[in-house]
């Protein structure tokens, strides 16, 4: 079974969120965008030591009704379908359930019940899913939550429940059943109980003597007081005798406290304990075939916390491998451009969370929308192809289109889409993936604009830094529309800065094409009449690869007037 879709209605900053989930999905967005609210909603659904509190959890941003619920949609296997109750079976193998958190209808929210209702033949049932709370909750898998901050000691303690103690307890109970060592220990304790009570200290103290002294004073009551040394149990061993240790290989295997290490290692150890713990759980032995899917949903808050870049990449690889297990699924939140870039190949796995005017929304390019997006990306080449067939197109323009191979479209659609996917994968590296966390992205034609504007905003225009801007180099005018399409689908506000190149030959076509590609999240488009060098009043570099260095050299050497820098800042501000 796999969780394939979630809907959240009226929970904290979320009025309505509807999104698909992959085997490994990632929530991205700025601080306070609403990522934690999504994770918390899922925790409340599974009652992961957290309850819905209307005072704090019901939205304060103008909800349209007084209901609050979470709806999950699971894709089941054929075997799971067969074991479902008849009323929950479906031809598409989808199990859809809704948990009410708040409602004016008292039938939906009752204390002591799960308040989970399934869809039957596409209609929400009036009867709770599988009846009793303890049954319905267990029918939908289990949840593991790894918070952003967690105490290592709490996960390693032996005095009470912890991931480590739970695993050790599991192993102990399995091993002692047929353990001659444990049997010998039990026999030894029986002997110890009999003999030790009779043994005394040099000055005559013993357990038997203690019992005799007590009995002398209670004899008239017709009772006899005695002392026994109980046989040791597995629980006694775990709680009082088992301890863990850490050896530092860089200190010749000296034993050290876990607190001697950084938060990165400590948090990775916590994650490892929780993940490995899934193996050390007794599997249910059903007397008859019942619906009881083995699904573990791991919610991981900011897995990159306290990890340097290489460790982030390794952890991401580990999470990808974990998600390949058909019984496990991962949803993590992140502020790491590394986690975004390393998963950009599977665009549907990225869930962009945006908060405006107090309301959080989730944007996603799901699998159904991918083909359409890639088709849009190829629309420029379609336009050039049409121009080649148009008799009205000047021959000089046709020659330029052919020279640059701008009108060629791969006939094989699947190959074409693969090409597009590869382009996204290559372009959205760690640096460019920072755009997923900005309030506003400036799509720049090339590196020159990005480097120069980045320098100004970091040194001279500090006031603009607070606006969370990001300048994105898209490596050429031909790629601008691709990012406009991507950001439009993901709810990322953006503006465009490019060179008109005097509208010569094919540039006239490209410039018009870009202007017509505006979407709901395109704020403004600005173009230099010729190029940025012409705008700044400086000479061009002798080679294209020297263009960024040329602009920076001229700025550092005072060849660009302050008035022009002030004017450029006003241009940037006008694009917000």
Protein backbone atom coordinates (compact mmCIF):
# COMPACT_ATOMS: atom_id res chain seq x y z
CA UNK A 1 0.00 0.00 0.00
CA UNK A 2 1.18 3.51 -0.75
CA UNK A 3 -0.11 6.92 0.30
CA UNK A 4 -0.61 8.67 -3.05
CA UNK A 5 -2.65 11.78 -2.23
CA UNK A 6 -3.46 14.01 0.74
CA UNK A 7 -6.04 16.75 1.25
CA UNK A 8 -6.01 19.09 4.23
CA UNK A 9 -9.01 21.31 4.97
CA UNK A 10 -8.96 24.10 7.55
CA UNK A 11 -5.87 23.32 9.59
CA UNK A 12 -3.74 26.17 10.96
CA UNK A 13 -2.50 28.23 7.96
CA UNK A 14 -3.99 25.79 5.45
CA UNK A 15 -7.50 26.42 4.15
CA UNK A 16 -7.28 23.82 1.41
CA UNK A 17 -4.28 21.84 0.26
CA UNK A 18 -4.46 19.03 -2.26
CA UNK A 19 -1.26 17.27 -3.33
CA UNK A 20 0.13 13.99 -4.60
CA UNK A 21 2.77 12.02 -2.71
CA UNK A 22 5.57 9.95 -4.18
CA UNK A 23 7.59 7.25 -2.45
CA UNK A 24 9.97 10.05 -1.44
CA UNK A 25 8.45 13.53 -1.35
CA UNK A 26 10.02 16.80 -0.24
CA UNK A 27 8.35 19.92 1.14
CA UNK A 28 10.28 23.06 0.14
CA UNK A 29 9.75 26.70 0.93
CA UNK A 30 10.74 29.62 3.12
CA UNK A 31 10.62 29.62 6.91
CA UNK A 32 7.04 29.87 8.19
CA UNK A 33 5.61 28.89 4.82
CA UNK A 34 3.53 26.07 6.35
CA UNK A 35 5.69 22.96 5.85
CA UNK A 36 5.49 21.98 9.54
CA UNK A 37 1.71 22.43 9.47
CA UNK A 38 1.43 19.80 6.75
CA UNK A 39 3.59 17.36 8.72
CA UNK A 40 1.64 18.09 11.91
CA UNK A 41 -1.68 17.44 10.14
CA UNK A 42 -0.46 13.96 9.16
CA UNK A 43 0.73 13.35 12.70
CA UNK A 44 -2.69 14.27 14.04
CA UNK A 45 -4.33 11.93 11.55
CA UNK A 46 -2.25 9.07 12.97
CA UNK A 47 -2.50 10.46 16.52
CA UNK A 48 1.26 10.53 16.87
CA UNK A 49 1.28 11.82 20.47
CA UNK A 50 -0.49 14.95 19.29
CA UNK A 51 -4.14 16.01 19.33
CA UNK A 52 -6.19 18.58 17.43
CA UNK A 53 -6.88 21.69 19.50
CA UNK A 54 -9.46 23.93 17.89
CA UNK A 55 -8.18 27.02 19.73
CA UNK A 56 -4.73 26.74 18.12
CA UNK A 57 -5.24 24.50 15.09
CA UNK A 58 -8.36 25.89 13.43
CA UNK A 59 -7.43 28.57 10.86
CA UNK A 60 -7.61 32.25 11.68
CA UNK A 61 -7.34 33.32 8.00
CA UNK A 62 -11.03 33.45 7.02
CA UNK A 63 -12.07 29.80 6.62
CA UNK A 64 -15.15 29.29 4.44
CA UNK A 65 -16.75 26.76 6.81
CA UNK A 66 -16.40 25.38 10.34
CA UNK A 67 -15.15 21.92 9.43
CA UNK A 68 -11.61 20.66 9.75
CA UNK A 69 -10.51 17.34 8.25
CA UNK A 70 -7.66 15.42 6.68
CA UNK A 71 -8.25 13.11 3.74
CA UNK A 72 -5.78 10.44 2.64
CA UNK A 73 -5.86 8.34 -0.50
CA UNK A 74 -4.01 5.01 -0.61
CA UNK A 75 -3.22 2.85 -3.60
CA UNK A 76 -3.60 -0.79 -2.58
CA UNK A 77 -2.33 -4.02 -4.09
CA UNK A 78 -4.55 -6.77 -5.49
CA UNK A 79 -4.03 -8.87 -2.35
CA UNK A 80 -4.91 -5.93 -0.12
CA UNK A 81 -8.06 -5.30 -2.13
CA UNK A 82 -9.13 -8.90 -1.66
CA UNK A 83 -8.71 -8.64 2.10
CA UNK A 84 -10.68 -5.37 2.38
CA UNK A 85 -14.28 -5.38 3.50
CA UNK A 86 -16.54 -5.48 0.48
CA UNK A 87 -17.86 -1.96 1.06
CA UNK A 88 -14.34 -0.49 0.83
CA UNK A 89 -13.24 -2.28 -2.34
CA UNK A 90 -12.89 -0.31 -5.59
CA UNK A 91 -12.07 -1.10 -9.21
CA UNK A 92 -9.20 1.44 -9.24
CA UNK A 93 -7.72 -0.15 -6.06
CA UNK A 94 -7.87 3.20 -4.26
CA UNK A 95 -8.79 3.36 -0.57
CA UNK A 96 -9.88 6.86 0.38
CA UNK A 97 -10.47 7.87 4.01
CA UNK A 98 -11.26 11.10 5.82
CA UNK A 99 -10.59 11.95 9.46
CA UNK A 100 -12.71 14.71 10.96
CA UNK A 101 -11.03 17.00 13.45
CA UNK A 102 -13.86 19.50 13.84
CA UNK A 103 -17.45 19.59 12.62
CA UNK A 104 -20.83 20.96 13.60
CA UNK A 105 -22.18 17.50 12.85
CA UNK A 106 -21.74 15.54 16.09
CA UNK A 107 -21.76 12.25 14.16
CA UNK A 108 -18.41 13.12 12.59
CA UNK A 109 -16.52 13.98 15.76
CA UNK A 110 -16.99 11.70 18.75
CA UNK A 111 -14.64 11.23 21.69
CA UNK A 112 -13.07 7.81 22.08
CA UNK A 113 -13.41 6.95 18.37
CA UNK A 114 -11.12 7.32 15.35
CA UNK A 115 -13.50 9.70 13.50
CA UNK A 116 -12.17 8.13 10.29
CA UNK A 117 -14.68 7.52 7.50
CA UNK A 118 -14.01 5.70 4.23
CA UNK A 119 -15.44 6.35 0.79
CA UNK A 120 -17.78 3.64 -0.47
CA UNK A 121 -18.41 3.63 -4.23
CA UNK A 122 -17.12 7.21 -4.38
CA UNK A 123 -19.37 8.46 -1.56
CA UNK A 124 -18.21 9.25 1.98
CA UNK A 125 -19.68 6.66 4.34
CA UNK A 126 -21.75 7.59 7.39
CA UNK A 127 -20.12 4.73 9.31
CA UNK A 128 -16.65 4.87 10.81
CA UNK A 129 -13.93 2.95 9.01
CA UNK A 130 -13.73 -0.58 10.49
CA UNK A 131 -15.58 0.56 13.57
CA UNK A 132 -13.49 0.80 16.71
CA UNK A 133 -10.64 3.27 16.99
CA UNK A 134 -7.93 0.75 17.76
CA UNK A 135 -8.89 -1.21 14.65
CA UNK A 136 -9.33 1.58 12.11
CA UNK A 137 -6.11 3.33 13.10
CA UNK A 138 -4.06 0.16 12.65
CA UNK A 139 -5.50 -0.49 9.19
CA UNK A 140 -3.68 2.46 7.63
CA UNK A 141 -0.07 1.73 8.48
CA UNK A 142 2.05 3.50 11.07
CA UNK A 143 3.90 6.78 11.36
CA UNK A 144 7.47 7.57 12.38
CA UNK A 145 8.29 11.20 13.10
CA UNK A 146 11.82 12.58 13.28
CA UNK A 147 11.70 16.18 14.54
CA UNK A 148 14.14 18.91 13.67
CA UNK A 149 15.43 18.94 17.24
CA UNK A 150 15.55 15.83 19.39
CA UNK A 151 17.59 14.83 22.44
CA UNK A 152 19.96 11.96 21.74
CA UNK A 153 19.69 10.73 25.34
CA UNK A 154 15.91 10.32 24.96
CA UNK A 155 16.47 7.94 22.06
CA UNK A 156 19.16 5.93 23.87
CA UNK A 157 17.72 5.66 27.38
CA UNK A 158 17.13 2.27 29.02
CA UNK A 159 14.95 3.43 31.92
CA UNK A 160 11.88 3.89 29.76
CA UNK A 161 10.59 3.55 26.18
CA UNK A 162 13.09 4.58 23.50
CA UNK A 163 13.99 3.35 19.99
CA UNK A 164 17.12 1.64 21.33
CA UNK A 165 15.40 -0.01 24.32
CA UNK A 166 12.51 -1.18 22.14
CA UNK A 167 14.92 -2.89 19.74
CA UNK A 168 16.96 -4.50 22.53
CA UNK A 169 13.76 -5.70 24.19
CA UNK A 170 12.63 -7.24 20.89
CA UNK A 171 15.94 -9.10 20.48
CA UNK A 172 16.02 -10.24 24.12
CA UNK A 173 12.51 -11.68 23.99
CA UNK A 174 13.37 -13.53 20.77
CA UNK A 175 16.70 -14.94 21.96
CA UNK A 176 15.92 -15.99 25.53
CA UNK A 177 13.26 -18.47 24.39
CA UNK A 178 15.93 -20.94 23.30
CA UNK A 179 19.00 -19.55 25.03
CA UNK A 180 21.03 -22.02 27.15
CA UNK A 181 22.98 -19.06 28.50
CA UNK A 182 19.83 -17.44 29.83
CA UNK A 183 18.64 -20.79 31.22
CA UNK A 184 21.95 -21.20 33.07
CA UNK A 185 21.57 -17.67 34.41
CA UNK A 186 18.12 -18.48 35.75
CA UNK A 187 19.46 -21.64 37.46
CA UNK A 188 22.32 -19.66 38.93
CA UNK A 189 19.89 -17.15 40.39
CA UNK A 190 17.85 -19.94 41.98
CA UNK A 191 21.02 -21.20 43.64
CA UNK A 192 21.96 -17.67 44.57
CA UNK A 193 18.51 -17.12 46.14
CA UNK A 194 18.86 -20.24 48.31
CA UNK A 195 22.49 -19.92 49.35
CA UNK A 196 22.97 -16.18 49.66
CA UNK A 197 20.15 -15.78 52.15
CA UNK A 198 22.03 -18.07 54.52
CA UNK A 199 25.38 -16.38 54.07
CA UNK A 200 26.28 -13.80 56.70
CA UNK A 201 28.76 -11.03 57.21
CA UNK A 202 31.59 -11.28 59.72
CA UNK A 203 29.46 -9.51 62.30
CA UNK A 204 26.48 -11.87 61.82
CA UNK A 205 24.18 -10.02 59.46
CA UNK A 206 22.24 -12.02 56.83
CA UNK A 207 18.97 -11.86 54.95
CA UNK A 208 17.60 -14.85 56.84
CA UNK A 209 18.56 -13.23 60.16
CA UNK A 210 16.77 -10.03 59.06
CA UNK A 211 13.62 -12.03 58.28
CA UNK A 212 13.86 -13.81 61.66
CA UNK A 213 14.10 -10.48 63.52
CA UNK A 214 10.96 -9.25 61.80
CA UNK A 215 9.09 -12.50 62.46
CA UNK A 216 9.81 -12.30 66.21
CA UNK A 217 7.77 -9.12 66.29
CA UNK A 218 4.84 -10.26 64.11
CA UNK A 219 4.46 -13.86 65.34
CA UNK A 220 1.40 -12.99 67.46
CA UNK A 221 -0.42 -11.98 64.25
CA UNK A 222 -0.15 -15.45 62.79
CA UNK A 223 1.96 -14.53 59.76
CA UNK A 224 5.44 -15.33 58.56
CA UNK A 225 7.60 -12.77 56.77
CA UNK A 226 10.19 -13.96 54.25
CA UNK A 227 12.71 -12.57 51.72
CA UNK A 228 13.42 -13.92 48.21
CA UNK A 229 15.91 -12.88 45.56
CA UNK A 230 13.90 -13.06 42.36
CA UNK A 231 15.21 -14.59 39.18
CA UNK A 232 16.46 -11.97 36.81
CA UNK A 233 14.15 -11.11 33.90
CA UNK A 234 14.87 -9.74 30.46
CA UNK A 235 13.40 -6.40 31.56
CA UNK A 236 15.74 -6.32 34.58
CA UNK A 237 18.69 -6.97 32.33
CA UNK A 238 17.74 -4.25 29.84
CA UNK A 239 16.89 -1.64 32.46
CA UNK A 240 19.76 -2.20 34.89
CA UNK A 241 22.50 -4.20 33.24
CA UNK A 242 22.58 -3.29 29.53
CA UNK A 243 24.41 -0.12 28.57
CA UNK A 244 25.56 1.33 25.27
CA UNK A 245 28.85 2.93 24.42
CA UNK A 246 30.47 4.93 21.63
CA UNK A 247 34.00 4.25 20.41
CA UNK A 248 35.84 7.00 18.56
CA UNK A 249 37.87 5.40 15.79
CA UNK A 250 39.94 8.58 15.52
CA UNK A 251 40.99 8.18 19.16
CA UNK A 252 42.14 4.55 18.92
CA UNK A 253 38.65 3.27 19.78
CA UNK A 254 38.46 5.11 23.09
CA UNK A 255 35.00 5.16 24.62
CA UNK A 256 33.49 8.63 24.69
CA UNK A 257 30.13 10.23 25.36
CA UNK A 258 27.85 10.81 22.38
CA UNK A 259 27.65 14.43 23.56
CA UNK A 260 31.31 14.82 22.56
CA UNK A 261 30.21 14.74 18.93
CA UNK A 262 28.47 17.38 16.88
CA UNK A 263 24.73 17.66 16.31
CA UNK A 264 25.07 16.25 12.80
CA UNK A 265 26.27 12.83 13.98
CA UNK A 266 23.86 12.81 16.92
CA UNK A 267 20.89 13.50 14.69
CA UNK A 268 21.99 10.89 12.16
CA UNK A 269 22.21 8.34 14.96
CA UNK A 270 18.66 9.20 16.04
CA UNK A 271 17.46 8.78 12.46
CA UNK A 272 19.30 5.45 12.20
CA UNK A 273 17.75 4.15 15.43
CA UNK A 274 14.25 5.03 14.29
CA UNK A 275 14.72 3.66 10.77
CA UNK A 276 16.41 0.43 11.87
CA UNK A 277 13.69 0.03 14.51
CA UNK A 278 11.20 -0.80 11.77
CA UNK A 279 12.97 -4.16 11.39
CA UNK A 280 12.63 -5.04 15.06
CA UNK A 281 8.86 -5.29 15.32
CA UNK A 282 6.81 -8.42 15.69
CA UNK A 283 4.79 -9.10 12.57
CA UNK A 284 1.14 -9.83 13.16
CA UNK A 285 0.12 -13.43 12.68
CA UNK A 286 -3.44 -13.29 11.44
CA UNK A 287 -5.58 -16.37 11.97
CA UNK A 288 -7.51 -15.35 8.91
CA UNK A 289 -6.67 -13.08 6.03
CA UNK A 290 -7.48 -9.56 7.14
CA UNK A 291 -6.69 -6.13 5.73
CA UNK A 292 -3.58 -5.07 7.60
CA UNK A 293 -1.04 -3.49 5.23
CA UNK A 294 2.55 -3.05 6.34
CA UNK A 295 3.19 0.60 5.56
CA UNK A 296 5.51 2.90 7.49
CA UNK A 297 5.35 6.62 6.67
CA UNK A 298 8.48 8.45 7.82
CA UNK A 299 8.07 12.19 8.45
CA UNK A 300 11.50 13.80 8.58
CA UNK A 301 11.88 17.48 9.50
CA UNK A 302 14.91 19.15 7.91
CA UNK A 303 17.13 16.08 7.52
CA UNK A 304 19.95 18.37 6.40
CA UNK A 305 20.19 20.06 9.82
CA UNK A 306 23.76 20.12 11.22
CA UNK A 307 25.16 18.27 8.18
CA UNK A 308 27.80 19.63 5.83
CA UNK A 309 27.02 19.45 2.07
CA UNK A 310 28.62 16.06 1.38
CA UNK A 311 26.83 14.48 4.34
CA UNK A 312 23.58 16.01 3.11
CA UNK A 313 24.07 14.32 -0.25
CA UNK A 314 24.83 10.97 1.42
CA UNK A 315 21.76 11.19 3.65
CA UNK A 316 19.60 12.04 0.65
CA UNK A 317 20.92 8.94 -1.15
CA UNK A 318 20.12 6.88 1.95
CA UNK A 319 16.57 8.24 2.08
CA UNK A 320 16.10 7.48 -1.61
CA UNK A 321 17.16 3.88 -0.96
CA UNK A 322 14.85 3.57 2.05
CA UNK A 323 11.94 4.78 -0.07
CA UNK A 324 12.56 1.95 -2.54
CA UNK A 325 11.25 -0.44 0.12
CA UNK A 326 7.62 -1.11 -0.87
CA UNK A 327 6.67 -0.97 2.83
CA UNK A 328 8.19 2.46 3.52
CA UNK A 329 7.43 5.97 2.34
CA UNK A 330 9.12 9.28 3.20
CA UNK A 331 7.93 12.87 3.42
CA UNK A 332 10.58 15.36 4.50
CA UNK A 333 10.70 19.14 4.82
CA UNK A 334 13.86 20.97 3.85
CA UNK A 335 15.62 24.31 3.51
CA UNK A 336 18.46 22.70 1.59
CA UNK A 337 19.04 23.51 -2.06
CA UNK A 338 21.08 20.29 -2.18
CA UNK A 339 18.04 18.16 -1.35
CA UNK A 340 16.08 20.01 -4.05
CA UNK A 341 18.73 19.68 -6.76
CA UNK A 342 19.36 16.00 -6.06
CA UNK A 343 15.67 15.21 -6.51
CA UNK A 344 14.86 17.57 -9.37
CA UNK A 345 14.93 14.66 -11.80
CA UNK A 346 11.60 13.62 -10.29
CA UNK A 347 9.78 16.95 -10.35
CA UNK A 348 6.50 15.53 -8.94
CA UNK A 349 8.31 14.71 -5.70
CA UNK A 350 8.80 18.42 -4.93
CA UNK A 351 6.00 20.19 -3.06
CA UNK A 352 6.47 23.98 -3.01
CA UNK A 353 4.77 25.56 0.01
CA UNK A 354 3.99 29.28 -0.23
CA UNK A 355 2.36 31.51 2.37
CA UNK A 356 0.62 34.74 1.39
CA UNK A 357 -1.62 36.83 3.62
CA UNK A 358 -1.53 34.15 6.30
CA UNK A 359 -2.68 31.31 4.01
CA UNK A 360 -0.41 28.43 2.98
CA UNK A 361 -0.79 26.85 -0.45
CA UNK A 362 0.94 23.84 -1.96
CA UNK A 363 2.13 23.92 -5.58
CA UNK A 364 3.23 20.85 -7.45
CA UNK A 365 3.89 19.57 -10.94
CA UNK A 366 2.33 16.16 -10.74
CA UNK A 367 2.88 13.32 -13.19
CA UNK A 368 -0.28 14.21 -15.12
CA UNK A 369 1.06 17.72 -15.78
CA UNK A 370 4.63 16.82 -16.74
CA UNK A 371 3.97 16.16 -20.42
CA UNK A 372 2.15 19.46 -20.75
CA UNK A 373 5.04 21.32 -19.10
CA UNK A 374 7.62 19.79 -21.41
CA UNK A 375 5.44 20.53 -24.43
CA UNK A 376 5.31 24.15 -23.35
CA UNK A 377 9.09 24.15 -23.09
CA UNK A 378 9.38 23.00 -26.70
CA UNK A 379 7.00 25.67 -27.94
CA UNK A 380 9.89 27.97 -28.93
CA UNK A 381 11.22 25.38 -31.35
CA UNK A 382 7.71 24.85 -32.70
CA UNK A 383 7.50 28.57 -33.33
CA UNK A 384 10.80 28.56 -35.26
CA UNK A 385 9.70 25.49 -37.20
CA UNK A 386 6.52 27.29 -38.26
CA UNK A 387 8.56 30.32 -39.31
CA UNK A 388 10.64 28.11 -41.59
CA UNK A 389 7.45 26.97 -43.32
CA UNK A 390 6.02 30.49 -43.52
CA UNK A 391 6.60 32.17 -46.89
CA UNK A 392 6.38 35.57 -45.21
CA UNK A 393 9.54 34.91 -43.17
CA UNK A 394 12.60 36.68 -44.58
CA UNK A 395 15.24 34.37 -46.02
CA UNK A 396 17.94 35.94 -43.84
CA UNK A 397 15.88 34.96 -40.78
CA UNK A 398 15.35 31.42 -42.11
CA UNK A 399 19.09 31.09 -42.71
CA UNK A 400 19.80 32.15 -39.14
CA UNK A 401 17.21 29.71 -37.74
CA UNK A 402 18.81 26.88 -39.73
CA UNK A 403 22.33 27.92 -38.77
CA UNK A 404 21.42 27.69 -35.08
CA UNK A 405 19.27 24.54 -35.54
CA UNK A 406 16.41 26.31 -33.77
CA UNK A 407 13.61 24.80 -35.82
CA UNK A 408 14.37 21.13 -35.29
CA UNK A 409 11.96 19.14 -33.14
CA UNK A 410 12.51 15.52 -32.24
CA UNK A 411 9.75 13.50 -33.84
CA UNK A 412 9.83 10.88 -31.11
CA UNK A 413 7.81 12.40 -28.28
CA UNK A 414 9.24 10.17 -25.57
CA UNK A 415 12.77 11.03 -26.60
CA UNK A 416 11.85 14.70 -26.65
CA UNK A 417 10.50 14.51 -23.10
CA UNK A 418 13.63 12.69 -21.96
CA UNK A 419 15.69 15.53 -23.39
CA UNK A 420 13.61 18.05 -21.52
CA UNK A 421 13.93 16.12 -18.26
CA UNK A 422 17.69 15.96 -18.71
CA UNK A 423 17.84 19.72 -19.24
CA UNK A 424 16.01 20.37 -15.98
CA UNK A 425 18.26 17.93 -14.19
CA UNK A 426 21.40 19.62 -15.47
CA UNK A 427 20.28 23.20 -15.04
CA UNK A 428 18.83 23.05 -11.55
CA UNK A 429 22.05 22.45 -9.67
CA UNK A 430 22.67 23.29 -6.00
CA UNK A 431 23.07 26.98 -6.79
CA UNK A 432 20.04 27.44 -9.06
CA UNK A 433 17.85 25.38 -6.72
CA UNK A 434 18.11 28.24 -4.21
CA UNK A 435 15.37 29.86 -6.31
CA UNK A 436 12.87 27.46 -4.66
CA UNK A 437 13.33 29.32 -1.37
CA UNK A 438 13.13 32.94 -2.62
CA UNK A 439 10.20 35.32 -2.38
CA UNK A 440 11.03 36.69 -5.81
CA UNK A 441 13.31 35.34 -8.54
CA UNK A 442 14.94 37.50 -11.21
CA UNK A 443 15.41 35.34 -14.28
CA UNK A 444 18.58 36.68 -15.90
CA UNK A 445 19.65 35.84 -19.43
CA UNK A 446 23.22 35.08 -18.45
CA UNK A 447 25.96 35.05 -15.85
CA UNK A 448 26.89 38.71 -16.37
CA UNK A 449 23.63 40.08 -15.02
CA UNK A 450 23.57 37.59 -12.14
CA UNK A 451 27.14 38.21 -10.97
CA UNK A 452 26.87 41.99 -11.21
CA UNK A 453 23.45 42.26 -9.56
CA UNK A 454 24.43 39.76 -6.83
CA UNK A 455 27.47 41.88 -6.07
CA UNK A 456 25.46 45.09 -5.86
CA UNK A 457 22.77 43.61 -3.60
CA UNK A 458 25.41 42.17 -1.27
CA UNK A 459 27.46 45.37 -1.01
CA UNK A 460 25.54 48.45 -2.05
CA UNK A 461 21.82 47.58 -2.04
CA UNK A 462 21.65 45.92 1.36
CA UNK A 463 18.06 47.12 1.88
CA UNK A 464 16.94 44.85 -0.98
CA UNK A 465 18.51 41.83 0.70
CA UNK A 466 15.62 41.66 3.19
CA UNK A 467 13.19 41.06 0.32
CA UNK A 468 14.60 37.54 -0.18
CA UNK A 469 15.50 38.01 -3.83
CA UNK A 470 17.38 35.55 -5.98
CA UNK A 471 19.10 36.24 -9.29
CA UNK A 472 19.05 33.21 -11.56
CA UNK A 473 21.38 32.69 -14.51
CA UNK A 474 19.50 30.59 -17.08
CA UNK A 475 22.44 30.28 -19.49
CA UNK A 476 20.88 31.99 -22.45
CA UNK A 477 17.78 33.67 -23.77
CA UNK A 478 16.53 30.39 -25.22
CA UNK A 479 15.95 29.02 -21.73
CA UNK A 480 14.07 31.92 -20.15
CA UNK A 481 10.61 30.56 -21.03
CA UNK A 482 11.45 27.17 -19.47
CA UNK A 483 11.94 28.75 -16.06
CA UNK A 484 8.89 30.94 -16.51
CA UNK A 485 6.86 27.78 -17.11
CA UNK A 486 8.42 25.98 -14.14
CA UNK A 487 7.98 28.86 -11.70
CA UNK A 488 4.45 29.49 -12.90
CA UNK A 489 3.50 25.91 -12.01
CA UNK A 490 5.23 26.06 -8.61
CA UNK A 491 3.84 29.41 -7.49
CA UNK A 492 7.19 31.24 -7.53
CA UNK A 493 6.97 34.96 -8.33
CA UNK A 494 9.52 36.07 -10.92
CA UNK A 495 10.60 38.86 -13.23
CA UNK A 496 12.70 38.72 -16.38
CA UNK A 497 15.86 40.63 -17.35
CA UNK A 498 17.32 40.09 -20.81
CA UNK A 499 19.06 41.78 -23.75
CA UNK A 500 16.96 42.82 -26.76
CA UNK A 501 20.05 42.66 -28.98
CA UNK A 502 18.45 45.44 -31.06
CA UNK A 503 15.72 43.02 -32.19
CA UNK A 504 17.99 41.74 -34.94
CA UNK A 505 17.07 38.64 -37.03
CA UNK A 506 15.90 35.78 -34.75
CA UNK A 507 16.17 37.95 -31.62
CA UNK A 508 13.05 39.79 -32.67
CA UNK A 509 11.18 36.47 -32.69
CA UNK A 510 12.65 35.33 -29.37
CA UNK A 511 11.95 38.64 -27.64
CA UNK A 512 8.32 38.58 -28.72
CA UNK A 513 8.04 34.96 -27.68
CA UNK A 514 9.28 35.75 -24.15
CA UNK A 515 6.86 38.67 -23.82
CA UNK A 516 3.97 36.35 -24.67
CA UNK A 517 4.98 33.73 -22.09
CA UNK A 518 3.81 35.66 -19.04
CA UNK A 519 1.85 33.66 -16.45
CA UNK A 520 0.05 34.49 -13.19
CA UNK A 521 3.36 34.58 -11.31
CA UNK A 522 5.31 36.71 -13.82
CA UNK A 523 5.55 40.17 -12.33
CA UNK A 524 7.44 42.20 -14.95
CA UNK A 525 9.75 41.85 -17.92
CA UNK A 526 12.64 44.28 -18.52
CA UNK A 527 14.98 44.30 -21.48
CA UNK A 528 18.14 46.29 -22.21
CA UNK A 529 17.76 47.84 -25.69
CA UNK A 530 21.05 46.32 -26.81
CA UNK A 531 22.80 44.65 -23.85
CA UNK A 532 23.95 45.41 -20.29
CA UNK A 533 27.33 46.77 -21.45
CA UNK A 534 25.60 49.31 -23.67
CA UNK A 535 23.28 50.21 -20.79
CA UNK A 536 26.20 50.77 -18.39
CA UNK A 537 28.20 52.73 -20.95
CA UNK A 538 31.22 50.44 -21.11
CA UNK A 539 33.01 48.63 -23.92
CA UNK A 540 32.39 44.95 -24.60
CA UNK A 541 34.83 42.15 -23.81
CA UNK A 542 36.78 40.57 -26.63
CA UNK A 543 35.31 37.13 -25.83
CA UNK A 544 31.87 36.00 -24.53
CA UNK A 545 33.43 34.07 -21.63
CA UNK A 546 35.04 37.31 -20.41
CA UNK A 547 31.78 39.24 -20.38
CA UNK A 548 31.05 38.91 -16.60
CA UNK A 549 34.65 39.73 -15.68
CA UNK A 550 34.62 42.73 -18.00
CA UNK A 551 31.58 44.27 -16.30
CA UNK A 552 32.99 43.66 -12.82
CA UNK A 553 36.43 45.05 -13.78
CA UNK A 554 34.84 48.21 -15.13
CA UNK A 555 32.76 48.63 -11.97
CA UNK A 556 35.72 48.08 -9.64
CA UNK A 557 37.79 50.60 -11.59
CA UNK A 558 35.14 53.33 -11.48
CA UNK A 559 34.20 53.20 -15.14
CA UNK A 560 30.46 52.97 -14.40
CA UNK A 561 28.83 56.16 -13.15
CA UNK A 562 27.04 56.24 -9.80
CA UNK A 563 23.99 57.74 -11.51
CA UNK A 564 23.76 54.63 -13.69
CA UNK A 565 23.96 52.37 -10.60
CA UNK A 566 21.15 54.37 -8.95
CA UNK A 567 19.10 54.10 -12.13
CA UNK A 568 19.69 50.34 -12.26
CA UNK A 569 18.47 49.93 -8.68
CA UNK A 570 15.25 51.73 -9.59
CA UNK A 571 14.81 49.31 -12.50
CA UNK A 572 15.17 46.33 -10.14
CA UNK A 573 12.71 47.82 -7.64
CA UNK A 574 10.18 48.43 -10.44
CA UNK A 575 10.24 44.72 -11.28
CA UNK A 576 9.13 43.60 -7.79
